[in-house]
Amino acid sequence: MEPSVDDLLSFKEFPLIQEGNSNSAQLNIDSPKKVSPSRETDSTSEETDTPKSSSFFTFEYYQKFFDVDTMMVVDRIATSIIPKRAPTDYLKLNIGTNPDLYGPVWIVITLIFSIAISGNMASYLQNAGNHQWRYDFHLVSVSATVIILYTCLVPFGLWALLKWSIRPDEMDLEEQLPYTPSLLSLICVYGYSMAIYIPVSVLWTIQVPLFQWLLVATGTFLSGFALVWILMPAIKTSKYSLFITPIIGLIHFILATGFMLAYFRPADTHESVATAKLVEQVKATVAAVVAHKNATQ
């Protein structure tokens, strides 16, 4: 039944007229468009599956470099000190799959302050009784510069050398390509290798030259041998492997020797200088007495 003209002019509400065979399209603007559950789940899965790229200048980018727990850090410190503790594939399967900067950063920072504080303690013990002695805060900046450059430049040089000097016969093997560690993996290994010098720097304050040189030899042997053992699978792929191995140990020894001589100078050096000055004063006094005696005669 169609509404009359009077009904239309009275502004009455009428139900919607639905015709089964109507071809007209009706638009309902009051109710939102419904989406089928299947399409809704598909769109949700597409949003979750799409990875969000983190920028280089965000904290999220660096979180993966600190994804370690306490036991992993302790295990890597022990491996960097105890020779032959690491398996042959340790560099590739352990460090290569999850290189971290958490352990190296804290080891380097601790070593910087340990050497600076212990160096000032050694200087105080060497100048006992000298009331004009002052703290040398310059030791912190010097030790920080040397340690940071060592843990960054030496791995970078080794990484570049391994990339450049891979054996040609190794490159031809398609089934088993030679493994070259990444720069981050080498920095991780070298950072952990510095852990042994934290207790050694404290023991260097004991002013016994023989004991100090024994600490240099022990620390270099343990840490250097463990370092070479970890890096050996990558070193073997280089055609200069016979030269790289002793150079790694030599640089490690030079670093330890430089720390000991610069910050923990043996006491006999100062004693010899003081003795030489005393001998010169005695000689000058004797010469003055002899000259005065000859002049009076």
C-alpha atoms as a PDB file:
ATOM      1  CA  MET A   1       0.000   0.000   0.000  1.00  0.00           C
ATOM      2  CA  GLU A   2       1.487   3.303  -1.060  1.00  0.00           C
ATOM      3  CA  PRO A   3       1.307   6.281   1.347  1.00  0.00           C
ATOM      4  CA  SER A   4      -1.068   9.110   0.533  1.00  0.00           C
ATOM      5  CA  VAL A   5      -0.141  12.745   0.061  1.00  0.00           C
ATOM      6  CA  ASP A   6      -1.409  13.661   3.542  1.00  0.00           C
ATOM      7  CA  ASP A   7       0.713  11.001   5.141  1.00  0.00           C
ATOM      8  CA  LEU A   8       3.793  12.266   3.356  1.00  0.00           C
ATOM      9  CA  LEU A   9       3.159  15.857   4.457  1.00  0.00           C
ATOM     10  CA  SER A  10       2.772  14.779   8.117  1.00  0.00           C
ATOM     11  CA  PHE A  11       6.471  13.638   8.303  1.00  0.00           C
ATOM     12  CA  LYS A  12       5.611  10.239   9.653  1.00  0.00           C
ATOM     13  CA  GLU A  13       8.274   7.523   9.829  1.00  0.00           C
ATOM     14  CA  PHE A  14       7.650   4.561   7.560  1.00  0.00           C
ATOM     15  CA  PRO A  15       9.474   1.246   7.435  1.00  0.00           C
ATOM     16  CA  LEU A  16      11.814   0.615   4.551  1.00  0.00           C
ATOM     17  CA  ILE A  17      10.099  -0.833   1.521  1.00  0.00           C
ATOM     18  CA  GLN A  18      11.888  -3.953   0.369  1.00  0.00           C
ATOM     19  CA  GLU A  19      11.055  -5.489  -2.917  1.00  0.00           C
ATOM     20  CA  GLY A  20      12.403  -8.844  -3.814  1.00  0.00           C
ATOM     21  CA  ASN A  21      12.821  -8.087  -7.500  1.00  0.00           C
ATOM     22  CA  SER A  22      14.041  -4.494  -7.053  1.00  0.00           C
ATOM     23  CA  ASN A  23      17.203  -3.674  -8.943  1.00  0.00           C
ATOM     24  CA  SER A  24      17.770  -0.320  -7.221  1.00  0.00           C
ATOM     25  CA  ALA A  25      20.803   0.038  -4.974  1.00  0.00           C
ATOM     26  CA  GLN A  26      20.277   1.432  -1.477  1.00  0.00           C
ATOM     27  CA  LEU A  27      23.067   3.066   0.561  1.00  0.00           C
ATOM     28  CA  ASN A  28      22.864   2.880   4.325  1.00  0.00           C
ATOM     29  CA  ILE A  29      25.087   5.577   5.790  1.00  0.00           C
ATOM     30  CA  ASP A  30      24.174   4.934   9.431  1.00  0.00           C
ATOM     31  CA  SER A  31      25.736   1.484   9.818  1.00  0.00           C
ATOM     32  CA  PRO A  32      29.400   0.813   9.015  1.00  0.00           C
ATOM     33  CA  LYS A  33      30.427  -1.607   6.353  1.00  0.00           C
ATOM     34  CA  LYS A  34      30.933  -5.056   7.770  1.00  0.00           C
ATOM     35  CA  VAL A  35      34.010  -7.053   6.895  1.00  0.00           C
ATOM     36  CA  SER A  36      33.979 -10.788   6.848  1.00  0.00           C
ATOM     37  CA  PRO A  37      36.011 -12.453   9.606  1.00  0.00           C
ATOM     38  CA  SER A  38      38.280 -14.160   7.109  1.00  0.00           C
ATOM     39  CA  ARG A  39      39.289 -10.900   5.434  1.00  0.00           C
ATOM     40  CA  GLU A  40      39.723  -9.243   8.824  1.00  0.00           C
ATOM     41  CA  THR A  41      42.131 -11.935  10.006  1.00  0.00           C
ATOM     42  CA  ASP A  42      43.992 -11.767   6.703  1.00  0.00           C
ATOM     43  CA  SER A  43      44.550  -8.037   7.028  1.00  0.00           C
ATOM     44  CA  THR A  44      45.670  -8.447  10.623  1.00  0.00           C
ATOM     45  CA  SER A  45      48.147 -11.161   9.702  1.00  0.00           C
ATOM     46  CA  GLU A  46      49.517  -9.019   6.891  1.00  0.00           C
ATOM     47  CA  GLU A  47      50.176  -6.180   9.335  1.00  0.00           C
ATOM     48  CA  THR A  48      51.900  -8.429  11.869  1.00  0.00           C
ATOM     49  CA  ASP A  49      53.963 -10.305   9.301  1.00  0.00           C
ATOM     50  CA  THR A  50      55.359  -7.131   7.768  1.00  0.00           C
ATOM     51  CA  PRO A  51      58.654  -6.382   9.590  1.00  0.00           C
ATOM     52  CA  LYS A  52      59.182  -2.850  10.757  1.00  0.00           C
ATOM     53  CA  SER A  53      62.551  -1.554   9.644  1.00  0.00           C
ATOM     54  CA  SER A  54      64.398   0.223  12.458  1.00  0.00           C
ATOM     55  CA  SER A  55      66.510   3.237  11.638  1.00  0.00           C
ATOM     56  CA  PHE A  56      70.240   3.416  12.280  1.00  0.00           C
ATOM     57  CA  PHE A  57      69.653   6.305  14.695  1.00  0.00           C
ATOM     58  CA  THR A  58      67.152   4.473  16.935  1.00  0.00           C
ATOM     59  CA  PHE A  59      67.719   2.375  20.036  1.00  0.00           C
ATOM     60  CA  GLU A  60      65.829  -0.551  18.481  1.00  0.00           C
ATOM     61  CA  TYR A  61      68.584  -0.933  15.897  1.00  0.00           C
ATOM     62  CA  TYR A  62      71.233  -1.552  18.577  1.00  0.00           C
ATOM     63  CA  GLN A  63      69.147  -3.826  20.807  1.00  0.00           C
ATOM     64  CA  LYS A  64      70.186  -6.911  18.838  1.00  0.00           C
ATOM     65  CA  PHE A  65      73.838  -6.236  19.726  1.00  0.00           C
ATOM     66  CA  PHE A  66      73.047  -6.464  23.450  1.00  0.00           C
ATOM     67  CA  ASP A  67      70.819  -9.560  23.328  1.00  0.00           C
ATOM     68  CA  VAL A  68      72.807 -11.689  25.807  1.00  0.00           C
ATOM     69  CA  ASP A  69      72.305 -12.994  29.312  1.00  0.00           C
ATOM     70  CA  THR A  70      74.679 -13.266  32.269  1.00  0.00           C
ATOM     71  CA  MET A  71      75.653 -16.887  31.681  1.00  0.00           C
ATOM     72  CA  MET A  72      76.540 -16.190  28.055  1.00  0.00           C
ATOM     73  CA  VAL A  73      78.782 -13.276  29.029  1.00  0.00           C
ATOM     74  CA  VAL A  74      80.494 -15.330  31.741  1.00  0.00           C
ATOM     75  CA  ASP A  75      81.021 -18.199  29.306  1.00  0.00           C
ATOM     76  CA  ARG A  76      82.587 -15.908  26.713  1.00  0.00           C
ATOM     77  CA  ILE A  77      84.879 -14.335  29.309  1.00  0.00           C
ATOM     78  CA  ALA A  78      86.044 -17.770  30.437  1.00  0.00           C
ATOM     79  CA  THR A  79      86.594 -18.827  26.824  1.00  0.00           C
ATOM     80  CA  SER A  80      88.741 -15.740  26.193  1.00  0.00           C
ATOM     81  CA  ILE A  81      90.993 -16.592  29.150  1.00  0.00           C
ATOM     82  CA  ILE A  82      91.256 -20.400  29.091  1.00  0.00           C
ATOM     83  CA  PRO A  83      93.155 -21.679  26.020  1.00  0.00           C
ATOM     84  CA  LYS A  84      91.568 -24.464  23.949  1.00  0.00           C
ATOM     85  CA  ARG A  85      88.258 -24.124  25.799  1.00  0.00           C
ATOM     86  CA  ALA A  86      86.440 -23.058  22.635  1.00  0.00           C
ATOM     87  CA  PRO A  87      85.494 -25.714  20.051  1.00  0.00           C
ATOM     88  CA  THR A  88      86.810 -25.419  16.524  1.00  0.00           C
ATOM     89  CA  ASP A  89      83.556 -23.924  15.205  1.00  0.00           C
ATOM     90  CA  TYR A  90      83.154 -21.495  18.126  1.00  0.00           C
ATOM     91  CA  LEU A  91      83.818 -18.391  16.027  1.00  0.00           C
ATOM     92  CA  LYS A  92      81.258 -19.314  13.372  1.00  0.00           C
ATOM     93  CA  LEU A  93      78.451 -20.911  15.400  1.00  0.00           C
ATOM     94  CA  ASN A  94      78.695 -18.994  18.681  1.00  0.00           C
ATOM     95  CA  ILE A  95      80.170 -15.560  18.001  1.00  0.00           C
ATOM     96  CA  GLY A  96      79.155 -15.333  14.339  1.00  0.00           C
ATOM     97  CA  THR A  97      75.478 -16.061  14.971  1.00  0.00           C
ATOM     98  CA  ASN A  98      75.150 -13.684  17.934  1.00  0.00           C
ATOM     99  CA  PRO A  99      78.001 -11.179  18.267  1.00  0.00           C
ATOM    100  CA  ASP A 100      77.372  -8.883  21.204  1.00  0.00           C
ATOM    101  CA  LEU A 101      78.747  -5.564  22.355  1.00  0.00           C
ATOM    102  CA  TYR A 102      77.461  -5.756  25.918  1.00  0.00           C
ATOM    103  CA  GLY A 103      80.434  -7.690  27.279  1.00  0.00           C
ATOM    104  CA  PRO A 104      83.146  -5.837  25.303  1.00  0.00           C
ATOM    105  CA  VAL A 105      81.755  -2.397  26.208  1.00  0.00           C
ATOM    106  CA  TRP A 106      81.698  -3.102  29.945  1.00  0.00           C
ATOM    107  CA  ILE A 107      85.065  -4.880  29.853  1.00  0.00           C
ATOM    108  CA  VAL A 108      86.702  -1.951  28.044  1.00  0.00           C
ATOM    109  CA  ILE A 109      85.175   0.644  30.403  1.00  0.00           C
ATOM    110  CA  THR A 110      86.180  -1.357  33.478  1.00  0.00           C
ATOM    111  CA  LEU A 111      89.712  -1.846  32.168  1.00  0.00           C
ATOM    112  CA  ILE A 112      90.125   1.876  31.434  1.00  0.00           C
ATOM    113  CA  PHE A 113      89.327   2.881  35.004  1.00  0.00           C
ATOM    114  CA  SER A 114      91.144  -0.122  36.478  1.00  0.00           C
ATOM    115  CA  ILE A 115      94.405   0.818  34.756  1.00  0.00           C
ATOM    116  CA  ALA A 116      94.010   4.509  35.600  1.00  0.00           C
ATOM    117  CA  ILE A 117      93.238   3.899  39.284  1.00  0.00           C
ATOM    118  CA  SER A 118      95.853   1.174  39.714  1.00  0.00           C
ATOM    119  CA  GLY A 119      98.414   3.313  37.877  1.00  0.00           C
ATOM    120  CA  ASN A 120      97.869   6.170  40.329  1.00  0.00           C
ATOM    121  CA  MET A 121      98.160   3.733  43.238  1.00  0.00           C
ATOM    122  CA  ALA A 122     101.455   2.434  41.856  1.00  0.00           C
ATOM    123  CA  SER A 123     102.690   6.002  41.430  1.00  0.00           C
ATOM    124  CA  TYR A 124     101.751   6.762  45.041  1.00  0.00           C
ATOM    125  CA  LEU A 125     103.624   3.716  46.304  1.00  0.00           C
ATOM    126  CA  GLN A 126     106.681   4.629  44.244  1.00  0.00           C
ATOM    127  CA  ASN A 127     106.668   8.182  45.630  1.00  0.00           C
ATOM    128  CA  ALA A 128     105.942   7.281  49.243  1.00  0.00           C
ATOM    129  CA  GLY A 129     106.952  10.143  51.537  1.00  0.00           C
ATOM    130  CA  ASN A 130     106.696  12.762  48.797  1.00  0.00           C
ATOM    131  CA  HIS A 131     104.063  15.216  50.014  1.00  0.00           C
ATOM    132  CA  GLN A 132     103.949  16.964  46.647  1.00  0.00           C
ATOM    133  CA  TRP A 133     102.483  13.916  44.870  1.00  0.00           C
ATOM    134  CA  ARG A 134      99.228  14.542  42.978  1.00  0.00           C
ATOM    135  CA  TYR A 135      96.697  12.385  41.156  1.00  0.00           C
ATOM    136  CA  ASP A 136      97.261  12.139  37.412  1.00  0.00           C
ATOM    137  CA  PHE A 137      93.802  12.284  35.852  1.00  0.00           C
ATOM    138  CA  HIS A 138      95.418  12.343  32.426  1.00  0.00           C
ATOM    139  CA  LEU A 139      95.909   8.576  32.786  1.00  0.00           C
ATOM    140  CA  VAL A 140      92.182   8.010  32.222  1.00  0.00           C
ATOM    141  CA  SER A 141      92.098   9.719  28.831  1.00  0.00           C
ATOM    142  CA  VAL A 142      95.337   8.074  27.682  1.00  0.00           C
ATOM    143  CA  SER A 143      94.262   4.570  28.707  1.00  0.00           C
ATOM    144  CA  ALA A 144      90.819   5.091  27.144  1.00  0.00           C
ATOM    145  CA  THR A 145      92.343   6.186  23.848  1.00  0.00           C
ATOM    146  CA  VAL A 146      94.785   3.275  23.678  1.00  0.00           C
ATOM    147  CA  ILE A 147      92.271   0.581  24.663  1.00  0.00           C
ATOM    148  CA  ILE A 148      89.476   1.807  22.389  1.00  0.00           C
ATOM    149  CA  LEU A 149      91.825   2.146  19.423  1.00  0.00           C
ATOM    150  CA  TYR A 150      93.189  -1.339  20.060  1.00  0.00           C
ATOM    151  CA  THR A 151      89.766  -3.003  20.264  1.00  0.00           C
ATOM    152  CA  CYS A 152      88.566  -1.212  17.094  1.00  0.00           C
ATOM    153  CA  LEU A 153      91.533  -0.703  14.770  1.00  0.00           C
ATOM    154  CA  VAL A 154      93.207  -4.091  15.230  1.00  0.00           C
ATOM    155  CA  PRO A 155      89.996  -6.061  14.457  1.00  0.00           C
ATOM    156  CA  PHE A 156      89.377  -3.784  11.486  1.00  0.00           C
ATOM    157  CA  GLY A 157      92.877  -4.422  10.133  1.00  0.00           C
ATOM    158  CA  LEU A 158      92.515  -8.166  10.652  1.00  0.00           C
ATOM    159  CA  TRP A 159      89.088  -8.195   8.988  1.00  0.00           C
ATOM    160  CA  ALA A 160      90.411  -6.306   5.949  1.00  0.00           C
ATOM    161  CA  LEU A 161      93.450  -8.585   5.727  1.00  0.00           C
ATOM    162  CA  LEU A 162      91.327 -11.732   5.858  1.00  0.00           C
ATOM    163  CA  LYS A 163      88.998 -10.352   3.185  1.00  0.00           C
ATOM    164  CA  TRP A 164      91.900  -9.468   0.916  1.00  0.00           C
ATOM    165  CA  SER A 165      94.102 -12.529   1.431  1.00  0.00           C
ATOM    166  CA  ILE A 166      91.675 -15.443   1.043  1.00  0.00           C
ATOM    167  CA  ARG A 167      93.349 -18.332  -0.756  1.00  0.00           C
ATOM    168  CA  PRO A 168      92.264 -18.659  -4.404  1.00  0.00           C
ATOM    169  CA  ASP A 169      91.799 -22.413  -4.083  1.00  0.00           C
ATOM    170  CA  GLU A 170      89.468 -21.854  -1.135  1.00  0.00           C
ATOM    171  CA  MET A 171      87.329 -19.447  -3.150  1.00  0.00           C
ATOM    172  CA  ASP A 172      86.808 -22.035  -5.878  1.00  0.00           C
ATOM    173  CA  LEU A 173      85.064 -24.433  -3.515  1.00  0.00           C
ATOM    174  CA  GLU A 174      81.338 -23.981  -3.947  1.00  0.00           C
ATOM    175  CA  GLU A 175      80.233 -26.625  -1.473  1.00  0.00           C
ATOM    176  CA  GLN A 176      82.278 -25.326   1.468  1.00  0.00           C
ATOM    177  CA  LEU A 177      83.025 -21.627   1.196  1.00  0.00           C
ATOM    178  CA  PRO A 178      85.671 -20.221   3.573  1.00  0.00           C
ATOM    179  CA  TYR A 179      84.245 -18.471   6.601  1.00  0.00           C
ATOM    180  CA  THR A 180      85.360 -14.884   7.063  1.00  0.00           C
ATOM    181  CA  PRO A 181      84.136 -13.391  10.351  1.00  0.00           C
ATOM    182  CA  SER A 182      82.367 -10.075  10.291  1.00  0.00           C
ATOM    183  CA  LEU A 183      83.919  -6.931  11.719  1.00  0.00           C
ATOM    184  CA  LEU A 184      81.467  -6.985  14.617  1.00  0.00           C
ATOM    185  CA  SER A 185      82.455 -10.582  15.448  1.00  0.00           C
ATOM    186  CA  LEU A 186      86.144  -9.645  15.558  1.00  0.00           C
ATOM    187  CA  ILE A 187      85.450  -6.624  17.773  1.00  0.00           C
ATOM    188  CA  CYS A 188      83.460  -8.922  20.070  1.00  0.00           C
ATOM    189  CA  VAL A 189      86.316 -11.431  20.312  1.00  0.00           C
ATOM    190  CA  TYR A 190      88.964  -8.764  20.929  1.00  0.00           C
ATOM    191  CA  GLY A 191      86.773  -7.022  23.501  1.00  0.00           C
ATOM    192  CA  TYR A 192      86.429 -10.193  25.546  1.00  0.00           C
ATOM    193  CA  SER A 193      90.179 -10.883  25.235  1.00  0.00           C
ATOM    194  CA  MET A 194      90.868  -7.738  27.292  1.00  0.00           C
ATOM    195  CA  ALA A 195      89.098  -9.156  30.356  1.00  0.00           C
ATOM    196  CA  ILE A 196      92.226 -10.812  31.741  1.00  0.00           C
ATOM    197  CA  TYR A 197      94.016  -7.467  32.115  1.00  0.00           C
ATOM    198  CA  ILE A 198      91.492  -6.210  34.688  1.00  0.00           C
ATOM    199  CA  PRO A 199      92.822  -8.392  37.547  1.00  0.00           C
ATOM    200  CA  VAL A 200      96.355  -8.148  36.122  1.00  0.00           C
ATOM    201  CA  SER A 201      96.240  -4.341  36.310  1.00  0.00           C
ATOM    202  CA  VAL A 202      95.366  -4.546  40.004  1.00  0.00           C
ATOM    203  CA  LEU A 203      98.225  -6.971  40.680  1.00  0.00           C
ATOM    204  CA  TRP A 204     100.638  -4.712  38.792  1.00  0.00           C
ATOM    205  CA  THR A 205     100.528  -2.313  41.753  1.00  0.00           C
ATOM    206  CA  ILE A 206     102.815  -4.744  43.619  1.00  0.00           C
ATOM    207  CA  GLN A 207     106.216  -3.113  43.137  1.00  0.00           C
ATOM    208  CA  VAL A 208     108.226  -6.251  42.396  1.00  0.00           C
ATOM    209  CA  PRO A 209     109.694  -6.107  38.866  1.00  0.00           C
ATOM    210  CA  LEU A 210     109.985  -9.865  38.443  1.00  0.00           C
ATOM    211  CA  PHE A 211     106.391 -10.365  39.533  1.00  0.00           C
ATOM    212  CA  GLN A 212     105.197  -7.627  37.181  1.00  0.00           C
ATOM    213  CA  TRP A 213     106.964  -9.164  34.172  1.00  0.00           C
ATOM    214  CA  LEU A 214     105.581 -12.570  35.164  1.00  0.00           C
ATOM    215  CA  LEU A 215     102.076 -11.081  35.050  1.00  0.00           C
ATOM    216  CA  VAL A 216     102.789  -9.674  31.590  1.00  0.00           C
ATOM    217  CA  ALA A 217     103.913 -13.071  30.325  1.00  0.00           C
ATOM    218  CA  THR A 218     101.039 -14.963  31.964  1.00  0.00           C
ATOM    219  CA  GLY A 219      98.310 -12.562  30.816  1.00  0.00           C
ATOM    220  CA  THR A 220      99.673 -12.399  27.275  1.00  0.00           C
ATOM    221  CA  PHE A 221     100.036 -16.168  27.015  1.00  0.00           C
ATOM    222  CA  LEU A 222      96.557 -17.020  28.321  1.00  0.00           C
ATOM    223  CA  SER A 223      94.640 -14.295  26.510  1.00  0.00           C
ATOM    224  CA  GLY A 224      96.762 -14.329  23.342  1.00  0.00           C
ATOM    225  CA  PHE A 225      96.692 -18.106  22.979  1.00  0.00           C
ATOM    226  CA  ALA A 226      92.910 -18.209  23.512  1.00  0.00           C
ATOM    227  CA  LEU A 227      92.492 -15.375  20.996  1.00  0.00           C
ATOM    228  CA  VAL A 228      94.536 -17.143  18.331  1.00  0.00           C
ATOM    229  CA  TRP A 229      92.734 -20.429  19.030  1.00  0.00           C
ATOM    230  CA  ILE A 230      89.333 -18.812  18.474  1.00  0.00           C
ATOM    231  CA  LEU A 231      90.442 -17.027  15.305  1.00  0.00           C
ATOM    232  CA  MET A 232      92.372 -19.978  13.858  1.00  0.00           C
ATOM    233  CA  PRO A 233      89.564 -21.275  11.553  1.00  0.00           C
ATOM    234  CA  ALA A 234      89.399 -17.850   9.901  1.00  0.00           C
ATOM    235  CA  ILE A 235      93.185 -17.375   9.866  1.00  0.00           C
ATOM    236  CA  LYS A 236      93.681 -20.657   8.013  1.00  0.00           C
ATOM    237  CA  THR A 237      91.715 -19.331   5.037  1.00  0.00           C
ATOM    238  CA  SER A 238      94.330 -16.612   4.464  1.00  0.00           C
ATOM    239  CA  LYS A 239      97.451 -17.189   2.406  1.00  0.00           C
ATOM    240  CA  TYR A 240      99.399 -15.215   5.020  1.00  0.00           C
ATOM    241  CA  SER A 241      98.304 -17.381   7.938  1.00  0.00           C
ATOM    242  CA  LEU A 242     101.901 -18.112   8.981  1.00  0.00           C
ATOM    243  CA  PHE A 243     102.510 -14.387   9.479  1.00  0.00           C
ATOM    244  CA  ILE A 244      99.130 -13.399  10.928  1.00  0.00           C
ATOM    245  CA  THR A 245      99.349 -15.748  13.912  1.00  0.00           C
ATOM    246  CA  PRO A 246     102.631 -14.414  15.409  1.00  0.00           C
ATOM    247  CA  ILE A 247     101.623 -10.825  14.645  1.00  0.00           C
ATOM    248  CA  ILE A 248      98.422 -11.217  16.686  1.00  0.00           C
ATOM    249  CA  GLY A 249     100.392 -12.553  19.648  1.00  0.00           C
ATOM    250  CA  LEU A 250     103.107  -9.882  19.281  1.00  0.00           C
ATOM    251  CA  ILE A 251     100.620  -7.001  19.274  1.00  0.00           C
ATOM    252  CA  HIS A 252      98.932  -8.471  22.338  1.00  0.00           C
ATOM    253  CA  PHE A 253     102.304  -8.676  24.102  1.00  0.00           C
ATOM    254  CA  ILE A 254     103.233  -5.104  23.125  1.00  0.00           C
ATOM    255  CA  LEU A 255      99.936  -3.843  24.565  1.00  0.00           C
ATOM    256  CA  ALA A 256     100.506  -5.545  27.925  1.00  0.00           C
ATOM    257  CA  THR A 257     104.146  -4.438  28.080  1.00  0.00           C
ATOM    258  CA  GLY A 258     103.208  -0.863  27.241  1.00  0.00           C
ATOM    259  CA  PHE A 259     100.631  -0.766  30.030  1.00  0.00           C
ATOM    260  CA  MET A 260     103.081  -2.116  32.570  1.00  0.00           C
ATOM    261  CA  LEU A 261     105.935   0.235  31.621  1.00  0.00           C
ATOM    262  CA  ALA A 262     103.774   3.345  31.215  1.00  0.00           C
ATOM    263  CA  TYR A 263     101.555   3.002  34.288  1.00  0.00           C
ATOM    264  CA  PHE A 264     103.332   0.569  36.612  1.00  0.00           C
ATOM    265  CA  ARG A 265     106.998   1.363  36.084  1.00  0.00           C
ATOM    266  CA  PRO A 266     109.158  -0.989  38.142  1.00  0.00           C
ATOM    267  CA  ALA A 267     110.520   0.465  41.332  1.00  0.00           C
ATOM    268  CA  ASP A 268     114.135  -0.352  40.466  1.00  0.00           C
ATOM    269  CA  THR A 269     113.993   2.233  37.657  1.00  0.00           C
ATOM    270  CA  HIS A 270     113.297   5.007  40.148  1.00  0.00           C
ATOM    271  CA  GLU A 271     115.834   3.601  42.583  1.00  0.00           C
ATOM    272  CA  SER A 272     118.515   3.526  39.920  1.00  0.00           C
ATOM    273  CA  VAL A 273     117.782   7.140  39.000  1.00  0.00           C
ATOM    274  CA  ALA A 274     117.949   8.200  42.628  1.00  0.00           C
ATOM    275  CA  THR A 275     121.148   6.217  43.142  1.00  0.00           C
ATOM    276  CA  ALA A 276     122.735   7.796  40.077  1.00  0.00           C
ATOM    277  CA  LYS A 277     121.879  11.271  41.362  1.00  0.00           C
ATOM    278  CA  LEU A 278     123.331  10.434  44.770  1.00  0.00           C
ATOM    279  CA  VAL A 279     126.555   9.144  43.195  1.00  0.00           C
ATOM    280  CA  GLU A 280     126.881  12.307  41.136  1.00  0.00           C
ATOM    281  CA  GLN A 281     126.403  14.463  44.231  1.00  0.00           C
ATOM    282  CA  VAL A 282     129.047  12.459  46.124  1.00  0.00           C
ATOM    283  CA  LYS A 283     131.483  12.773  43.241  1.00  0.00           C
ATOM    284  CA  ALA A 284     130.906  16.517  43.017  1.00  0.00           C
ATOM    285  CA  THR A 285     131.421  16.894  46.767  1.00  0.00           C
ATOM    286  CA  VAL A 286     134.630  14.866  46.734  1.00  0.00           C
ATOM    287  CA  ALA A 287     135.926  16.813  43.746  1.00  0.00           C
ATOM    288  CA  ALA A 288     135.171  20.123  45.502  1.00  0.00           C
ATOM    289  CA  VAL A 289     136.961  18.979  48.658  1.00  0.00           C
ATOM    290  CA  VAL A 290     140.030  17.838  46.706  1.00  0.00           C
ATOM    291  CA  ALA A 291     140.136  21.064  44.727  1.00  0.00           C
ATOM    292  CA  HIS A 292     139.887  23.146  47.910  1.00  0.00           C
ATOM    293  CA  LYS A 293     142.654  21.087  49.539  1.00  0.00           C
ATOM    294  CA  ASN A 294     144.948  21.533  46.544  1.00  0.00           C
ATOM    295  CA  ALA A 295     144.278  25.255  46.476  1.00  0.00           C
ATOM    296  CA  THR A 296     145.190  25.687  50.141  1.00  0.00           C
ATOM    297  CA  GLN A 297     148.414  23.779  49.694  1.00  0.00           C
END
